[in-house]
Amino acid sequence: MFYLKDAESERLKYRPLNEADISLWMKFLDDPISTKYFPKLPLSVEERAQSWIKSQLLRYNEGSYGMTAIIRKKDNTFVGQCGLLKQEVDGIPEVEVGYHLFRQFCGMGYATEASRHFKEYAFKQNLADSIISIIHEHNLPSQAVAKRNGMSVDKRTVWKDMNVIIFRAFA
């Protein structure tokens, strides 16, 4: 079951992902700049997009949250994804706010607005005492979003074979 109902922020609204979003997500995954800090997988872009969307649908059904479509209100454009994810980092269960925007929508404040919305939602719903973002150590734009979202560096670690920085905010 999807964890949000009629969710929106100032310029954005959020809806569950669905299989119709696979073709849109293929465009994101086919952009080497947008996916520069993603784990490398031996799958085609189509297979990765199908797997990604299906894993979010599974998260909804299992109650482990999931990424959502970010829709720009003024023209109903799909600008990316944001959401809460149950993760495990260094053997500790965590709640993460994750975000991915199509490159043409970066630099407009959408990632900050969306991630702030989800962080505040998690705290209002008492989902966790703290929220993290797992960010590749070289992904400076995502680190800047985390900082604008009131998060600070908690630690550096290896997660899914990548050197990452864990940003954290407390309720």
C-alpha atoms as a PDB file:
ATOM      1  CA  MET A   1       0.000   0.000   0.000  1.00  0.00           C
ATOM      2  CA  PHE A   2       1.333   3.413  -0.944  1.00  0.00           C
ATOM      3  CA  TYR A   3       2.437   5.376   2.098  1.00  0.00           C
ATOM      4  CA  LEU A   4       1.405   8.877   0.970  1.00  0.00           C
ATOM      5  CA  LYS A   5      -1.982  10.245   0.017  1.00  0.00           C
ATOM      6  CA  ASP A   6      -2.453  13.460  -1.967  1.00  0.00           C
ATOM      7  CA  ALA A   7       1.069  14.602  -1.127  1.00  0.00           C
ATOM      8  CA  GLU A   8       2.312  17.918  -2.412  1.00  0.00           C
ATOM      9  CA  SER A   9       4.642  20.773  -1.593  1.00  0.00           C
ATOM     10  CA  GLU A  10       4.781  24.325  -2.913  1.00  0.00           C
ATOM     11  CA  ARG A  11       5.640  23.581  -6.564  1.00  0.00           C
ATOM     12  CA  LEU A  12       5.501  19.792  -6.643  1.00  0.00           C
ATOM     13  CA  LYS A  13       3.151  16.894  -6.157  1.00  0.00           C
ATOM     14  CA  TYR A  14       4.059  13.284  -5.501  1.00  0.00           C
ATOM     15  CA  ARG A  15       2.404  10.109  -6.718  1.00  0.00           C
ATOM     16  CA  PRO A  16       3.202   6.418  -6.651  1.00  0.00           C
ATOM     17  CA  LEU A  17       5.276   5.116  -9.498  1.00  0.00           C
ATOM     18  CA  ASN A  18       3.655   2.641 -11.871  1.00  0.00           C
ATOM     19  CA  GLU A  19       4.652   0.471 -14.803  1.00  0.00           C
ATOM     20  CA  ALA A  20       3.779   3.277 -17.243  1.00  0.00           C
ATOM     21  CA  ASP A  21       6.765   5.164 -15.764  1.00  0.00           C
ATOM     22  CA  ILE A  22       9.273   2.555 -17.006  1.00  0.00           C
ATOM     23  CA  SER A  23       9.754   4.288 -20.373  1.00  0.00           C
ATOM     24  CA  LEU A  24      10.315   7.652 -18.650  1.00  0.00           C
ATOM     25  CA  TRP A  25      12.800   6.117 -16.238  1.00  0.00           C
ATOM     26  CA  MET A  26      14.657   4.506 -19.126  1.00  0.00           C
ATOM     27  CA  LYS A  27      15.462   8.028 -20.365  1.00  0.00           C
ATOM     28  CA  PHE A  28      16.910   8.907 -16.963  1.00  0.00           C
ATOM     29  CA  LEU A  29      18.966   5.713 -16.746  1.00  0.00           C
ATOM     30  CA  ASP A  30      20.237   6.191 -20.296  1.00  0.00           C
ATOM     31  CA  ASP A  31      21.870   9.517 -19.319  1.00  0.00           C
ATOM     32  CA  PRO A  32      25.473   8.812 -18.259  1.00  0.00           C
ATOM     33  CA  ILE A  33      25.719  12.129 -16.407  1.00  0.00           C
ATOM     34  CA  SER A  34      22.572  11.504 -14.335  1.00  0.00           C
ATOM     35  CA  THR A  35      23.722   7.994 -13.441  1.00  0.00           C
ATOM     36  CA  LYS A  36      27.406   8.754 -12.969  1.00  0.00           C
ATOM     37  CA  TYR A  37      27.274   7.802  -9.273  1.00  0.00           C
ATOM     38  CA  PHE A  38      24.943   4.800  -9.617  1.00  0.00           C
ATOM     39  CA  PRO A  39      26.237   1.255  -9.095  1.00  0.00           C
ATOM     40  CA  LYS A  40      27.204  -0.357 -12.386  1.00  0.00           C
ATOM     41  CA  LEU A  41      24.929  -3.261 -13.218  1.00  0.00           C
ATOM     42  CA  PRO A  42      25.214  -5.784 -16.072  1.00  0.00           C
ATOM     43  CA  LEU A  43      21.680  -4.994 -17.292  1.00  0.00           C
ATOM     44  CA  SER A  44      20.267  -3.123 -20.251  1.00  0.00           C
ATOM     45  CA  VAL A  45      18.688   0.280 -19.633  1.00  0.00           C
ATOM     46  CA  GLU A  46      15.256  -1.261 -20.148  1.00  0.00           C
ATOM     47  CA  GLU A  47      15.977  -4.076 -17.671  1.00  0.00           C
ATOM     48  CA  ARG A  48      17.284  -1.582 -15.099  1.00  0.00           C
ATOM     49  CA  ALA A  49      14.205   0.639 -15.486  1.00  0.00           C
ATOM     50  CA  GLN A  50      11.839  -2.325 -15.155  1.00  0.00           C
ATOM     51  CA  SER A  51      13.712  -3.593 -12.100  1.00  0.00           C
ATOM     52  CA  TRP A  52      13.774  -0.111 -10.527  1.00  0.00           C
ATOM     53  CA  ILE A  53      10.033   0.519 -10.902  1.00  0.00           C
ATOM     54  CA  LYS A  54       9.110  -3.011  -9.828  1.00  0.00           C
ATOM     55  CA  SER A  55      11.283  -2.694  -6.722  1.00  0.00           C
ATOM     56  CA  GLN A  56       9.436   0.505  -5.750  1.00  0.00           C
ATOM     57  CA  LEU A  57       6.071  -1.223  -6.228  1.00  0.00           C
ATOM     58  CA  LEU A  58       7.337  -4.043  -4.015  1.00  0.00           C
ATOM     59  CA  ARG A  59       8.438  -1.501  -1.385  1.00  0.00           C
ATOM     60  CA  TYR A  60       4.922   0.005  -1.380  1.00  0.00           C
ATOM     61  CA  ASN A  61       3.375  -3.438  -0.882  1.00  0.00           C
ATOM     62  CA  GLU A  62       5.846  -4.442   1.854  1.00  0.00           C
ATOM     63  CA  GLY A  63       5.456  -1.194   3.775  1.00  0.00           C
ATOM     64  CA  SER A  64       9.085  -0.199   3.224  1.00  0.00           C
ATOM     65  CA  TYR A  65       8.061   3.122   1.646  1.00  0.00           C
ATOM     66  CA  GLY A  66       9.597   3.654  -1.833  1.00  0.00           C
ATOM     67  CA  MET A  67      10.465   6.334  -4.326  1.00  0.00           C
ATOM     68  CA  THR A  68       7.660   8.424  -5.791  1.00  0.00           C
ATOM     69  CA  ALA A  69       7.233  10.350  -9.011  1.00  0.00           C
ATOM     70  CA  ILE A  70       7.897  14.071  -8.614  1.00  0.00           C
ATOM     71  CA  ILE A  71       5.431  16.010 -10.736  1.00  0.00           C
ATOM     72  CA  ARG A  72       5.788  19.747 -11.375  1.00  0.00           C
ATOM     73  CA  LYS A  73       2.386  21.291 -10.599  1.00  0.00           C
ATOM     74  CA  LYS A  74       2.417  24.047 -13.201  1.00  0.00           C
ATOM     75  CA  ASP A  75       2.511  21.665 -16.180  1.00  0.00           C
ATOM     76  CA  ASN A  76       2.260  18.105 -14.767  1.00  0.00           C
ATOM     77  CA  THR A  77       5.799  17.304 -15.935  1.00  0.00           C
ATOM     78  CA  PHE A  78       7.576  14.276 -14.429  1.00  0.00           C
ATOM     79  CA  VAL A  79      10.824  15.825 -13.161  1.00  0.00           C
ATOM     80  CA  GLY A  80      12.289  12.908 -11.215  1.00  0.00           C
ATOM     81  CA  GLN A  81      11.830  10.747  -8.140  1.00  0.00           C
ATOM     82  CA  CYS A  82      12.049  11.244  -4.399  1.00  0.00           C
ATOM     83  CA  GLY A  83      10.941   9.190  -1.450  1.00  0.00           C
ATOM     84  CA  LEU A  84      11.701   7.342   1.725  1.00  0.00           C
ATOM     85  CA  LEU A  85      13.532   4.030   1.668  1.00  0.00           C
ATOM     86  CA  LYS A  86      14.267   1.489   4.360  1.00  0.00           C
ATOM     87  CA  GLN A  87      17.991   0.828   4.089  1.00  0.00           C
ATOM     88  CA  GLU A  88      20.705  -0.953   6.007  1.00  0.00           C
ATOM     89  CA  VAL A  89      24.016   0.835   6.499  1.00  0.00           C
ATOM     90  CA  ASP A  90      26.847  -0.890   8.354  1.00  0.00           C
ATOM     91  CA  GLY A  91      24.361  -3.403   9.755  1.00  0.00           C
ATOM     92  CA  ILE A  92      22.021  -0.713  11.134  1.00  0.00           C
ATOM     93  CA  PRO A  93      18.458  -0.230   9.814  1.00  0.00           C
ATOM     94  CA  GLU A  94      17.891   3.331   8.637  1.00  0.00           C
ATOM     95  CA  VAL A  95      15.263   5.433   6.882  1.00  0.00           C
ATOM     96  CA  GLU A  96      16.696   7.281   3.910  1.00  0.00           C
ATOM     97  CA  VAL A  97      15.344  10.147   1.873  1.00  0.00           C
ATOM     98  CA  GLY A  98      16.541   9.609  -1.678  1.00  0.00           C
ATOM     99  CA  TYR A  99      16.166  11.809  -4.758  1.00  0.00           C
ATOM    100  CA  HIS A 100      16.976  11.669  -8.464  1.00  0.00           C
ATOM    101  CA  LEU A 101      16.082  14.409 -10.945  1.00  0.00           C
ATOM    102  CA  PHE A 102      16.272  14.508 -14.700  1.00  0.00           C
ATOM    103  CA  ARG A 103      19.265  16.644 -15.545  1.00  0.00           C
ATOM    104  CA  GLN A 104      17.246  19.420 -17.193  1.00  0.00           C
ATOM    105  CA  PHE A 105      15.432  20.024 -13.876  1.00  0.00           C
ATOM    106  CA  CYS A 106      18.543  20.211 -11.691  1.00  0.00           C
ATOM    107  CA  GLY A 107      19.444  23.566 -10.188  1.00  0.00           C
ATOM    108  CA  MET A 108      15.814  24.655  -9.801  1.00  0.00           C
ATOM    109  CA  GLY A 109      15.421  23.714  -6.138  1.00  0.00           C
ATOM    110  CA  TYR A 110      13.142  20.757  -6.839  1.00  0.00           C
ATOM    111  CA  ALA A 111      15.398  18.170  -5.153  1.00  0.00           C
ATOM    112  CA  THR A 112      15.658  20.338  -2.032  1.00  0.00           C
ATOM    113  CA  GLU A 113      11.910  20.963  -1.938  1.00  0.00           C
ATOM    114  CA  ALA A 114      11.065  17.294  -2.438  1.00  0.00           C
ATOM    115  CA  SER A 115      13.639  15.916  -0.008  1.00  0.00           C
ATOM    116  CA  ARG A 116      12.568  18.428   2.651  1.00  0.00           C
ATOM    117  CA  HIS A 117       8.936  17.367   2.144  1.00  0.00           C
ATOM    118  CA  PHE A 118       9.810  13.706   2.703  1.00  0.00           C
ATOM    119  CA  LYS A 119      12.092  14.407   5.664  1.00  0.00           C
ATOM    120  CA  GLU A 120       9.344  16.418   7.368  1.00  0.00           C
ATOM    121  CA  TYR A 121       6.774  13.732   6.548  1.00  0.00           C
ATOM    122  CA  ALA A 122       8.978  11.048   8.143  1.00  0.00           C
ATOM    123  CA  PHE A 123       9.391  13.069  11.324  1.00  0.00           C
ATOM    124  CA  LYS A 124       5.679  14.028  11.535  1.00  0.00           C
ATOM    125  CA  GLN A 125       4.751  10.351  11.154  1.00  0.00           C
ATOM    126  CA  ASN A 126       7.380   9.303  13.752  1.00  0.00           C
ATOM    127  CA  LEU A 127       8.955   6.892  11.284  1.00  0.00           C
ATOM    128  CA  ALA A 128      12.443   7.348  12.738  1.00  0.00           C
ATOM    129  CA  ASP A 129      14.453   9.462  15.192  1.00  0.00           C
ATOM    130  CA  SER A 130      16.784  10.435  12.360  1.00  0.00           C
ATOM    131  CA  ILE A 131      16.740  10.401   8.570  1.00  0.00           C
ATOM    132  CA  ILE A 132      19.750   9.808   6.352  1.00  0.00           C
ATOM    133  CA  SER A 133      20.773  10.376   2.763  1.00  0.00           C
ATOM    134  CA  ILE A 134      23.381   8.025   1.284  1.00  0.00           C
ATOM    135  CA  ILE A 135      25.470  10.005  -1.187  1.00  0.00           C
ATOM    136  CA  HIS A 136      28.476   9.029  -3.285  1.00  0.00           C
ATOM    137  CA  GLU A 137      31.563  10.796  -1.969  1.00  0.00           C
ATOM    138  CA  HIS A 138      32.087  12.677  -5.258  1.00  0.00           C
ATOM    139  CA  ASN A 139      28.435  13.667  -5.849  1.00  0.00           C
ATOM    140  CA  LEU A 140      28.735  17.295  -4.757  1.00  0.00           C
ATOM    141  CA  PRO A 141      25.334  18.465  -6.085  1.00  0.00           C
ATOM    142  CA  SER A 142      23.503  15.817  -4.030  1.00  0.00           C
ATOM    143  CA  GLN A 143      25.599  16.681  -0.996  1.00  0.00           C
ATOM    144  CA  ALA A 144      24.539  20.322  -1.407  1.00  0.00           C
ATOM    145  CA  VAL A 145      20.873  19.240  -1.503  1.00  0.00           C
ATOM    146  CA  ALA A 146      21.341  17.281   1.734  1.00  0.00           C
ATOM    147  CA  LYS A 147      22.919  20.310   3.417  1.00  0.00           C
ATOM    148  CA  ARG A 148      20.093  22.604   2.247  1.00  0.00           C
ATOM    149  CA  ASN A 149      17.724  20.005   3.691  1.00  0.00           C
ATOM    150  CA  GLY A 150      19.253  20.529   7.143  1.00  0.00           C
ATOM    151  CA  MET A 151      21.385  17.411   7.084  1.00  0.00           C
ATOM    152  CA  SER A 152      25.016  17.173   8.112  1.00  0.00           C
ATOM    153  CA  VAL A 153      27.775  14.645   7.591  1.00  0.00           C
ATOM    154  CA  ASP A 154      27.410  11.727   9.983  1.00  0.00           C
ATOM    155  CA  LYS A 155      30.102   9.400   8.628  1.00  0.00           C
ATOM    156  CA  ARG A 156      31.882   7.989   5.622  1.00  0.00           C
ATOM    157  CA  THR A 157      31.471   4.321   4.782  1.00  0.00           C
ATOM    158  CA  VAL A 158      31.296   1.784   1.974  1.00  0.00           C
ATOM    159  CA  TRP A 159      27.772   0.939   0.851  1.00  0.00           C
ATOM    160  CA  LYS A 160      27.028  -1.373  -2.095  1.00  0.00           C
ATOM    161  CA  ASP A 161      30.711  -1.289  -3.043  1.00  0.00           C
ATOM    162  CA  MET A 162      30.747   2.527  -3.229  1.00  0.00           C
ATOM    163  CA  ASN A 163      32.490   5.076  -1.042  1.00  0.00           C
ATOM    164  CA  VAL A 164      29.645   7.156   0.356  1.00  0.00           C
ATOM    165  CA  ILE A 165      28.945   9.883   2.857  1.00  0.00           C
ATOM    166  CA  ILE A 166      26.015   9.441   5.206  1.00  0.00           C
ATOM    167  CA  PHE A 167      24.209  12.712   5.816  1.00  0.00           C
ATOM    168  CA  ARG A 168      21.821  12.746   8.779  1.00  0.00           C
ATOM    169  CA  ALA A 169      19.107  14.944  10.274  1.00  0.00           C
ATOM    170  CA  PHE A 170      17.469  14.401  13.643  1.00  0.00           C
ATOM    171  CA  ALA A 171      13.811  14.882  14.492  1.00  0.00           C
END
